[in-house]
Amino acid sequence: MKWNSAHWQRKVGELQSFIKPLVADVGRSERRERAALYVPGLLMPGQRKAIEPMARR
């Protein structure tokens, strides 16, 4: 199955629910929030997985 934008948007909520317990022990709240954003960024379409290209997407 090829993911498209609509499919990705439907699954983001489920992914966030999955990630929350994984980042619960990361430490400060800022780190937990950023980790919860970083992991979906790694899964998004795109070749570059560095933080700057992910932030632009």
PDB file of N, CA and C in Angstrom:
ATOM      1  N   MET A   1       0.841  -1.173   0.000  1.00  0.00           N
ATOM      2  CA  MET A   1       0.000   0.000   0.000  1.00  0.00           C
ATOM      3  C   MET A   1       0.887   1.237   0.000  1.00  0.00           C
ATOM      4  N   LYS A   2       0.587   2.170  -0.866  1.00  0.00           N
ATOM      5  CA  LYS A   2       1.326   3.421  -0.913  1.00  0.00           C
ATOM      6  C   LYS A   2       0.583   4.461  -0.071  1.00  0.00           C
ATOM      7  N   TRP A   3       1.298   5.071   0.842  1.00  0.00           N
ATOM      8  CA  TRP A   3       0.683   6.069   1.719  1.00  0.00           C
ATOM      9  C   TRP A   3       0.530   7.378   0.974  1.00  0.00           C
ATOM     10  N   ASN A   4      -0.609   8.012   1.142  1.00  0.00           N
ATOM     11  CA  ASN A   4      -0.800   9.351   0.610  1.00  0.00           C
ATOM     12  C   ASN A   4      -1.114  10.286   1.773  1.00  0.00           C
ATOM     13  N   SER A   5      -1.283  11.544   1.492  1.00  0.00           N
ATOM     14  CA  SER A   5      -1.483  12.545   2.531  1.00  0.00           C
ATOM     15  C   SER A   5      -2.725  12.259   3.373  1.00  0.00           C
ATOM     16  N   ALA A   6      -3.808  11.867   2.742  1.00  0.00           N
ATOM     17  CA  ALA A   6      -5.048  11.603   3.478  1.00  0.00           C
ATOM     18  C   ALA A   6      -4.873  10.419   4.429  1.00  0.00           C
ATOM     19  N   HIS A   7      -4.207   9.379   3.955  1.00  0.00           N
ATOM     20  CA  HIS A   7      -3.984   8.209   4.800  1.00  0.00           C
ATOM     21  C   HIS A   7      -3.106   8.584   5.990  1.00  0.00           C
ATOM     22  N   TRP A   8      -2.062   9.340   5.740  1.00  0.00           N
ATOM     23  CA  TRP A   8      -1.157   9.777   6.809  1.00  0.00           C
ATOM     24  C   TRP A   8      -1.926  10.568   7.865  1.00  0.00           C
ATOM     25  N   GLN A   9      -2.755  11.504   7.455  1.00  0.00           N
ATOM     26  CA  GLN A   9      -3.511  12.325   8.401  1.00  0.00           C
ATOM     27  C   GLN A   9      -4.429  11.481   9.280  1.00  0.00           C
ATOM     28  N   ARG A  10      -5.024  10.451   8.724  1.00  0.00           N
ATOM     29  CA  ARG A  10      -5.913   9.587   9.514  1.00  0.00           C
ATOM     30  C   ARG A  10      -5.142   8.819  10.582  1.00  0.00           C
ATOM     31  N   LYS A  11      -3.911   8.472  10.299  1.00  0.00           N
ATOM     32  CA  LYS A  11      -3.136   7.630  11.205  1.00  0.00           C
ATOM     33  C   LYS A  11      -2.309   8.395  12.232  1.00  0.00           C
ATOM     34  N   VAL A  12      -2.169   9.704  12.073  1.00  0.00           N
ATOM     35  CA  VAL A  12      -1.326  10.478  12.986  1.00  0.00           C
ATOM     36  C   VAL A  12      -1.819  10.361  14.425  1.00  0.00           C
ATOM     37  N   GLY A  13      -3.120  10.424  14.643  1.00  0.00           N
ATOM     38  CA  GLY A  13      -3.659  10.304  15.993  1.00  0.00           C
ATOM     39  C   GLY A  13      -3.331   8.976  16.639  1.00  0.00           C
ATOM     40  N   GLU A  14      -3.457   7.913  15.882  1.00  0.00           N
ATOM     41  CA  GLU A  14      -3.117   6.588  16.405  1.00  0.00           C
ATOM     42  C   GLU A  14      -1.633   6.497  16.739  1.00  0.00           C
ATOM     43  N   LEU A  15      -0.817   7.078  15.905  1.00  0.00           N
ATOM     44  CA  LEU A  15       0.625   7.045  16.126  1.00  0.00           C
ATOM     45  C   LEU A  15       0.987   7.809  17.387  1.00  0.00           C
ATOM     46  N   GLN A  16       0.375   8.956  17.606  1.00  0.00           N
ATOM     47  CA  GLN A  16       0.651   9.737  18.806  1.00  0.00           C
ATOM     48  C   GLN A  16       0.283   8.946  20.060  1.00  0.00           C
ATOM     49  N   SER A  17      -0.822   8.242  20.030  1.00  0.00           N
ATOM     50  CA  SER A  17      -1.230   7.415  21.170  1.00  0.00           C
ATOM     51  C   SER A  17      -0.217   6.303  21.430  1.00  0.00           C
ATOM     52  N   PHE A  18       0.350   5.767  20.379  1.00  0.00           N
ATOM     53  CA  PHE A  18       1.351   4.712  20.497  1.00  0.00           C
ATOM     54  C   PHE A  18       2.664   5.258  21.064  1.00  0.00           C
ATOM     55  N   ILE A  19       3.044   6.456  20.663  1.00  0.00           N
ATOM     56  CA  ILE A  19       4.333   7.031  21.036  1.00  0.00           C
ATOM     57  C   ILE A  19       4.360   7.531  22.483  1.00  0.00           C
ATOM     58  N   LYS A  20       3.249   8.057  22.983  1.00  0.00           N
ATOM     59  CA  LYS A  20       3.231   8.660  24.323  1.00  0.00           C
ATOM     60  C   LYS A  20       3.857   7.783  25.404  1.00  0.00           C
ATOM     61  N   PRO A  21       3.476   6.512  25.545  1.00  0.00           N
ATOM     62  CA  PRO A  21       4.115   5.703  26.592  1.00  0.00           C
ATOM     63  C   PRO A  21       5.605   5.461  26.337  1.00  0.00           C
ATOM     64  N   LEU A  22       5.997   5.468  25.076  1.00  0.00           N
ATOM     65  CA  LEU A  22       7.409   5.225  24.758  1.00  0.00           C
ATOM     66  C   LEU A  22       8.298   6.380  25.185  1.00  0.00           C
ATOM     67  N   VAL A  23       7.789   7.599  25.149  1.00  0.00           N
ATOM     68  CA  VAL A  23       8.597   8.772  25.494  1.00  0.00           C
ATOM     69  C   VAL A  23       8.302   9.278  26.905  1.00  0.00           C
ATOM     70  N   ALA A  24       7.492   8.564  27.665  1.00  0.00           N
ATOM     71  CA  ALA A  24       7.091   9.017  28.999  1.00  0.00           C
ATOM     72  C   ALA A  24       8.282   9.208  29.935  1.00  0.00           C
ATOM     73  N   ASP A  25       9.318   8.428  29.792  1.00  0.00           N
ATOM     74  CA  ASP A  25      10.468   8.506  30.694  1.00  0.00           C
ATOM     75  C   ASP A  25      11.646   9.289  30.116  1.00  0.00           C
ATOM     76  N   VAL A  26      11.409  10.052  29.083  1.00  0.00           N
ATOM     77  CA  VAL A  26      12.501  10.787  28.436  1.00  0.00           C
ATOM     78  C   VAL A  26      13.028  11.900  29.329  1.00  0.00           C
ATOM     79  N   GLY A  27      12.213  12.430  30.194  1.00  0.00           N
ATOM     80  CA  GLY A  27      12.682  13.499  31.075  1.00  0.00           C
ATOM     81  C   GLY A  27      11.763  14.700  31.001  1.00  0.00           C
ATOM     82  N   ARG A  28      12.350  15.835  30.727  1.00  0.00           N
ATOM     83  CA  ARG A  28      11.599  17.092  30.701  1.00  0.00           C
ATOM     84  C   ARG A  28      10.461  17.055  29.697  1.00  0.00           C
ATOM     85  N   SER A  29       9.429  17.844  29.973  1.00  0.00           N
ATOM     86  CA  SER A  29       8.246  17.861  29.107  1.00  0.00           C
ATOM     87  C   SER A  29       8.594  18.306  27.686  1.00  0.00           C
ATOM     88  N   GLU A  30       9.547  19.227  27.551  1.00  0.00           N
ATOM     89  CA  GLU A  30       9.947  19.687  26.221  1.00  0.00           C
ATOM     90  C   GLU A  30      10.530  18.533  25.405  1.00  0.00           C
ATOM     91  N   ARG A  31      11.312  17.696  26.033  1.00  0.00           N
ATOM     92  CA  ARG A  31      11.905  16.546  25.340  1.00  0.00           C
ATOM     93  C   ARG A  31      10.831  15.547  24.929  1.00  0.00           C
ATOM     94  N   ARG A  32       9.871  15.312  25.810  1.00  0.00           N
ATOM     95  CA  ARG A  32       8.787  14.381  25.476  1.00  0.00           C
ATOM     96  C   ARG A  32       7.989  14.891  24.284  1.00  0.00           C
ATOM     97  N   GLU A  33       7.673  16.185  24.285  1.00  0.00           N
ATOM     98  CA  GLU A  33       6.903  16.765  23.179  1.00  0.00           C
ATOM     99  C   GLU A  33       7.664  16.677  21.873  1.00  0.00           C
ATOM    100  N   ARG A  34       8.943  17.014  21.900  1.00  0.00           N
ATOM    101  CA  ARG A  34       9.755  16.978  20.670  1.00  0.00           C
ATOM    102  C   ARG A  34       9.937  15.555  20.168  1.00  0.00           C
ATOM    103  N   ALA A  35      10.110  14.611  21.078  1.00  0.00           N
ATOM    104  CA  ALA A  35      10.263  13.210  20.657  1.00  0.00           C
ATOM    105  C   ALA A  35       8.990  12.718  19.987  1.00  0.00           C
ATOM    106  N   ALA A  36       7.844  13.140  20.514  1.00  0.00           N
ATOM    107  CA  ALA A  36       6.567  12.726  19.932  1.00  0.00           C
ATOM    108  C   ALA A  36       6.371  13.327  18.545  1.00  0.00           C
ATOM    109  N   LEU A  37       7.044  14.424  18.230  1.00  0.00           N
ATOM    110  CA  LEU A  37       6.992  15.012  16.892  1.00  0.00           C
ATOM    111  C   LEU A  37       8.064  14.419  15.974  1.00  0.00           C
ATOM    112  N   TYR A  38       9.208  14.077  16.547  1.00  0.00           N
ATOM    113  CA  TYR A  38      10.333  13.579  15.764  1.00  0.00           C
ATOM    114  C   TYR A  38      10.057  12.208  15.158  1.00  0.00           C
ATOM    115  N   VAL A  39       9.484  11.318  15.948  1.00  0.00           N
ATOM    116  CA  VAL A  39       9.237   9.947  15.464  1.00  0.00           C
ATOM    117  C   VAL A  39       8.305   9.945  14.253  1.00  0.00           C
ATOM    118  N   PRO A  40       7.155  10.651  14.283  1.00  0.00           N
ATOM    119  CA  PRO A  40       6.329  10.686  13.066  1.00  0.00           C
ATOM    120  C   PRO A  40       7.080  11.304  11.886  1.00  0.00           C
ATOM    121  N   GLY A  41       7.954  12.272  12.167  1.00  0.00           N
ATOM    122  CA  GLY A  41       8.753  12.868  11.100  1.00  0.00           C
ATOM    123  C   GLY A  41       9.638  11.852  10.410  1.00  0.00           C
ATOM    124  N   LEU A  42      10.148  10.906  11.178  1.00  0.00           N
ATOM    125  CA  LEU A  42      10.975   9.853  10.587  1.00  0.00           C
ATOM    126  C   LEU A  42      10.167   8.950   9.667  1.00  0.00           C
ATOM    127  N   LEU A  43       8.885   8.814   9.958  1.00  0.00           N
ATOM    128  CA  LEU A  43       8.029   7.927   9.174  1.00  0.00           C
ATOM    129  C   LEU A  43       7.390   8.608   7.977  1.00  0.00           C
ATOM    130  N   MET A  44       7.441   9.937   7.927  1.00  0.00           N
ATOM    131  CA  MET A  44       6.831  10.670   6.823  1.00  0.00           C
ATOM    132  C   MET A  44       7.575  10.414   5.520  1.00  0.00           C
ATOM    133  N   PRO A  45       6.895  10.617   4.409  1.00  0.00           N
ATOM    134  CA  PRO A  45       7.579  10.486   3.122  1.00  0.00           C
ATOM    135  C   PRO A  45       8.700  11.519   2.996  1.00  0.00           C
ATOM    136  N   GLY A  46       9.686  11.181   2.249  1.00  0.00           N
ATOM    137  CA  GLY A  46      10.800  12.093   2.009  1.00  0.00           C
ATOM    138  C   GLY A  46      12.120  11.365   2.163  1.00  0.00           C
ATOM    139  N   GLN A  47      13.092  11.813   1.429  1.00  0.00           N
ATOM    140  CA  GLN A  47      14.391  11.158   1.451  1.00  0.00           C
ATOM    141  C   GLN A  47      15.236  11.584   2.639  1.00  0.00           C
ATOM    142  N   ARG A  48      15.241  12.873   2.939  1.00  0.00           N
ATOM    143  CA  ARG A  48      16.095  13.391   4.004  1.00  0.00           C
ATOM    144  C   ARG A  48      15.418  13.233   5.349  1.00  0.00           C
ATOM    145  N   LYS A  49      16.087  12.611   6.294  1.00  0.00           N
ATOM    146  CA  LYS A  49      15.514  12.393   7.618  1.00  0.00           C
ATOM    147  C   LYS A  49      16.212  13.233   8.687  1.00  0.00           C
ATOM    148  N   ALA A  50      16.987  14.241   8.261  1.00  0.00           N
ATOM    149  CA  ALA A  50      17.574  15.178   9.210  1.00  0.00           C
ATOM    150  C   ALA A  50      16.469  16.099   9.720  1.00  0.00           C
ATOM    151  N   ILE A  51      16.691  16.738  10.846  1.00  0.00           N
ATOM    152  CA  ILE A  51      15.649  17.511  11.510  1.00  0.00           C
ATOM    153  C   ILE A  51      15.161  18.693  10.668  1.00  0.00           C
ATOM    154  N   GLU A  52      16.040  19.388   9.974  1.00  0.00           N
ATOM    155  CA  GLU A  52      15.614  20.561   9.195  1.00  0.00           C
ATOM    156  C   GLU A  52      14.684  20.194   8.036  1.00  0.00           C
ATOM    157  N   PRO A  53      15.020  19.195   7.210  1.00  0.00           N
ATOM    158  CA  PRO A  53      14.078  18.819   6.145  1.00  0.00           C
ATOM    159  C   PRO A  53      12.739  18.297   6.693  1.00  0.00           C
ATOM    160  N   MET A  54      12.798  17.590   7.821  1.00  0.00           N
ATOM    161  CA  MET A  54      11.545  17.099   8.407  1.00  0.00           C
ATOM    162  C   MET A  54      10.702  18.264   8.890  1.00  0.00           C
ATOM    163  N   ALA A  55      11.315  19.267   9.468  1.00  0.00           N
ATOM    164  CA  ALA A  55      10.571  20.434   9.968  1.00  0.00           C
ATOM    165  C   ALA A  55       9.916  21.180   8.806  1.00  0.00           C
ATOM    166  N   ARG A  56      10.581  21.263   7.674  1.00  0.00           N
ATOM    167  CA  ARG A  56       9.988  21.938   6.512  1.00  0.00           C
ATOM    168  C   ARG A  56       8.777  21.185   5.999  1.00  0.00           C
ATOM    169  N   ARG A  57       8.795  19.852   6.084  1.00  0.00           N
ATOM    170  CA  ARG A  57       7.647  19.063   5.631  1.00  0.00           C
ATOM    171  C   ARG A  57       6.521  19.230   6.612  1.00  0.00           C
TER     172      ARG A  57
END
